[in-house]
N, C-alpha and C. Protein backbone atom coordinates (compact mmCIF):
# COMPACT_ATOMS: atom_id res chain seq x y z
N MET A 1 -2.73 -40.51 1.44
CA MET A 1 -3.84 -41.44 1.90
C MET A 1 -4.20 -40.88 3.27
N VAL A 2 -5.50 -40.83 3.53
CA VAL A 2 -6.03 -40.32 4.83
C VAL A 2 -6.33 -41.57 5.65
N PRO A 3 -5.80 -41.62 6.81
CA PRO A 3 -6.18 -42.84 7.62
C PRO A 3 -7.70 -42.83 8.14
N GLY A 4 -8.20 -43.94 8.41
CA GLY A 4 -9.56 -44.04 8.90
C GLY A 4 -9.61 -43.57 10.36
N THR A 5 -10.73 -43.17 10.82
CA THR A 5 -10.91 -42.74 12.14
C THR A 5 -11.66 -43.87 12.87
N TYR A 6 -11.10 -44.19 14.10
CA TYR A 6 -11.76 -45.17 14.97
C TYR A 6 -11.90 -46.47 14.13
N GLY A 7 -10.92 -46.80 13.34
CA GLY A 7 -10.98 -48.10 12.67
C GLY A 7 -11.91 -48.17 11.59
N GLU A 8 -12.65 -47.04 11.19
CA GLU A 8 -13.64 -47.15 10.20
C GLU A 8 -13.12 -46.41 8.87
N PRO A 9 -13.54 -46.83 7.68
CA PRO A 9 -13.12 -46.10 6.54
C PRO A 9 -13.50 -44.67 6.53
N VAL A 10 -12.59 -43.81 5.80
CA VAL A 10 -12.89 -42.38 5.68
C VAL A 10 -14.19 -42.17 4.92
N ALA A 11 -15.13 -41.33 5.32
CA ALA A 11 -16.36 -41.02 4.63
C ALA A 11 -16.12 -39.69 3.83
N TRP A 12 -16.05 -39.86 2.53
CA TRP A 12 -15.84 -38.67 1.62
C TRP A 12 -17.11 -38.08 1.16
N GLU A 13 -18.26 -38.62 1.31
CA GLU A 13 -19.50 -38.00 0.65
C GLU A 13 -20.12 -36.87 1.58
N GLY A 14 -19.55 -36.59 2.74
CA GLY A 14 -20.13 -35.51 3.46
C GLY A 14 -21.62 -35.75 3.74
N LEU A 15 -22.40 -34.81 3.74
CA LEU A 15 -23.88 -34.83 3.85
C LEU A 15 -24.65 -35.24 2.72
N GLY A 16 -24.00 -35.33 1.59
CA GLY A 16 -24.56 -35.84 0.32
C GLY A 16 -25.53 -34.67 -0.27
N ILE A 17 -25.28 -33.49 0.09
CA ILE A 17 -26.15 -32.35 -0.47
C ILE A 17 -25.61 -31.91 -1.72
N LEU A 18 -24.23 -31.87 -1.93
CA LEU A 18 -23.59 -31.30 -3.19
C LEU A 18 -22.97 -32.43 -3.91
N ASP A 19 -22.84 -32.39 -5.22
CA ASP A 19 -22.23 -33.45 -5.97
C ASP A 19 -20.81 -32.88 -6.41
N HIS A 20 -20.32 -31.90 -5.67
CA HIS A 20 -19.05 -31.36 -5.91
C HIS A 20 -18.33 -30.83 -4.75
N ALA A 21 -17.16 -30.59 -4.67
CA ALA A 21 -16.42 -30.01 -3.64
C ALA A 21 -16.48 -28.53 -3.55
N VAL A 22 -16.46 -27.78 -2.51
CA VAL A 22 -16.46 -26.37 -2.42
C VAL A 22 -15.02 -25.93 -1.97
N VAL A 23 -14.39 -25.05 -2.62
CA VAL A 23 -13.07 -24.41 -2.31
C VAL A 23 -13.33 -23.07 -1.88
N PRO A 24 -13.33 -22.71 -0.67
CA PRO A 24 -13.46 -21.21 -0.18
C PRO A 24 -12.16 -20.51 -0.30
N HIS A 25 -12.30 -19.18 -0.12
CA HIS A 25 -11.22 -18.32 -0.08
C HIS A 25 -10.28 -18.26 -1.13
N VAL A 26 -10.65 -18.69 -2.39
CA VAL A 26 -9.87 -18.61 -3.62
C VAL A 26 -9.85 -17.15 -4.16
N ASP A 27 -8.68 -16.64 -4.54
CA ASP A 27 -8.54 -15.37 -5.07
C ASP A 27 -9.02 -14.26 -4.02
N SER A 28 -8.72 -14.44 -2.72
CA SER A 28 -9.11 -13.62 -1.66
C SER A 28 -7.93 -12.99 -1.02
N PRO A 29 -7.47 -11.78 -1.66
CA PRO A 29 -6.29 -11.20 -1.06
C PRO A 29 -6.41 -10.91 0.44
N GLY A 30 -5.31 -11.19 1.16
CA GLY A 30 -5.30 -10.98 2.62
C GLY A 30 -5.77 -12.12 3.43
N HIS A 31 -6.38 -13.10 2.77
CA HIS A 31 -6.73 -14.25 3.54
C HIS A 31 -5.67 -15.21 3.66
N PRO A 32 -5.34 -15.69 4.88
CA PRO A 32 -4.10 -16.58 5.03
C PRO A 32 -4.14 -17.93 4.35
N GLU A 33 -5.29 -18.34 3.95
CA GLU A 33 -5.37 -19.55 3.24
C GLU A 33 -5.58 -19.54 1.74
N THR A 34 -5.68 -18.29 1.18
CA THR A 34 -6.05 -18.20 -0.24
C THR A 34 -5.04 -18.89 -1.15
N GLU A 35 -3.72 -18.73 -0.76
CA GLU A 35 -2.72 -19.48 -1.72
C GLU A 35 -2.88 -20.95 -1.69
N ALA A 36 -2.95 -21.49 -0.49
CA ALA A 36 -3.05 -22.97 -0.43
C ALA A 36 -4.34 -23.43 -1.03
N LEU A 37 -5.47 -22.75 -0.87
CA LEU A 37 -6.72 -23.19 -1.39
C LEU A 37 -6.68 -23.03 -3.01
N GLY A 38 -5.91 -22.06 -3.36
CA GLY A 38 -5.67 -21.83 -4.86
C GLY A 38 -5.06 -23.00 -5.44
N VAL A 39 -4.10 -23.63 -4.69
CA VAL A 39 -3.47 -24.78 -5.15
C VAL A 39 -4.36 -26.06 -5.16
N VAL A 40 -5.31 -26.12 -4.14
CA VAL A 40 -6.22 -27.14 -4.12
C VAL A 40 -7.16 -27.05 -5.35
N ALA A 41 -7.52 -25.91 -5.76
CA ALA A 41 -8.44 -25.67 -6.87
C ALA A 41 -7.65 -26.09 -8.20
N VAL A 42 -6.48 -25.78 -8.34
CA VAL A 42 -5.67 -26.11 -9.49
C VAL A 42 -5.47 -27.66 -9.55
N ASN A 43 -5.26 -28.26 -8.52
CA ASN A 43 -5.13 -29.76 -8.46
C ASN A 43 -6.49 -30.37 -8.80
N TYR A 44 -7.60 -29.91 -8.26
CA TYR A 44 -8.96 -30.44 -8.54
C TYR A 44 -9.16 -30.24 -10.09
N ARG A 45 -8.78 -29.10 -10.62
CA ARG A 45 -9.04 -28.95 -12.08
C ARG A 45 -8.24 -29.95 -12.85
N ALA A 46 -6.91 -30.12 -12.49
CA ALA A 46 -6.05 -31.00 -13.21
C ALA A 46 -6.50 -32.49 -13.03
N ASP A 47 -7.08 -32.74 -11.95
CA ASP A 47 -7.53 -34.17 -11.67
C ASP A 47 -8.98 -34.43 -12.28
N GLY A 48 -9.66 -33.35 -12.67
CA GLY A 48 -11.03 -33.52 -13.09
C GLY A 48 -12.00 -33.64 -11.95
N THR A 49 -11.62 -33.24 -10.85
CA THR A 49 -12.54 -33.26 -9.66
C THR A 49 -13.56 -32.17 -9.68
N PRO A 50 -14.86 -32.51 -9.75
CA PRO A 50 -15.85 -31.46 -9.74
C PRO A 50 -15.66 -30.59 -8.54
N HIS A 51 -15.68 -29.26 -8.70
CA HIS A 51 -15.59 -28.43 -7.60
C HIS A 51 -16.13 -27.03 -7.96
N LEU A 52 -16.32 -26.17 -6.99
CA LEU A 52 -16.71 -24.83 -7.07
C LEU A 52 -15.84 -23.92 -6.21
N THR A 53 -15.29 -22.87 -6.82
CA THR A 53 -14.50 -21.90 -5.92
C THR A 53 -15.37 -20.74 -5.54
N LEU A 54 -15.08 -20.29 -4.35
CA LEU A 54 -15.69 -19.16 -3.77
C LEU A 54 -14.67 -18.12 -3.24
N ARG A 55 -14.81 -16.89 -3.52
CA ARG A 55 -14.00 -15.87 -2.98
C ARG A 55 -14.58 -15.36 -1.64
N ASP A 56 -13.88 -14.75 -0.79
CA ASP A 56 -14.46 -14.10 0.38
C ASP A 56 -15.57 -13.22 -0.04
N GLY A 57 -16.62 -13.32 0.71
CA GLY A 57 -17.86 -12.46 0.47
C GLY A 57 -18.85 -13.14 -0.48
N GLN A 58 -18.51 -14.28 -1.14
CA GLN A 58 -19.40 -14.93 -1.77
C GLN A 58 -20.12 -16.08 -1.04
N ALA A 59 -21.31 -16.42 -1.50
CA ALA A 59 -22.08 -17.52 -0.86
C ALA A 59 -22.76 -18.27 -1.84
N LEU A 60 -22.90 -19.62 -1.62
CA LEU A 60 -23.55 -20.57 -2.50
C LEU A 60 -24.90 -20.71 -1.81
N VAL A 61 -25.98 -20.36 -2.55
CA VAL A 61 -27.23 -20.52 -2.11
C VAL A 61 -28.07 -21.59 -2.93
N ILE A 62 -28.55 -22.57 -2.23
CA ILE A 62 -29.44 -23.68 -2.97
C ILE A 62 -30.87 -23.48 -2.37
N ASP A 63 -31.76 -23.33 -3.37
CA ASP A 63 -33.33 -23.17 -3.11
C ASP A 63 -33.94 -24.17 -3.98
N GLY A 64 -34.18 -25.33 -3.53
CA GLY A 64 -34.77 -26.36 -4.40
C GLY A 64 -33.71 -26.72 -5.56
N GLU A 65 -34.22 -26.55 -6.76
CA GLU A 65 -33.48 -26.83 -7.94
C GLU A 65 -32.62 -25.64 -8.37
N ASP A 66 -32.87 -24.44 -7.74
CA ASP A 66 -32.20 -23.25 -8.05
C ASP A 66 -30.87 -23.16 -7.26
N THR A 67 -29.76 -23.05 -7.95
CA THR A 67 -28.43 -22.77 -7.28
C THR A 67 -27.81 -21.57 -7.72
N ARG A 68 -27.37 -20.65 -6.90
CA ARG A 68 -26.75 -19.34 -7.21
C ARG A 68 -25.61 -19.10 -6.29
N ILE A 69 -24.60 -18.32 -6.93
CA ILE A 69 -23.57 -17.77 -6.12
C ILE A 69 -23.82 -16.26 -6.02
N TYR A 70 -23.77 -15.82 -4.80
CA TYR A 70 -24.01 -14.32 -4.63
C TYR A 70 -22.72 -13.74 -4.00
């Protein structure tokens, strides 16, 4: 459980731009967080949490209704 900040509930919706979580640095050899974020992705998959994984060098680009990973 994550405690609230300043006595307010935790806001999980972020900016409301995406309807899924983004997990960066997955399968990125040499990155210090790749292993930990790989575990996050596995847990999201097991829990059915909508998410997108990105390797180093990839970018998510949203242009209107068009969404691409480069």
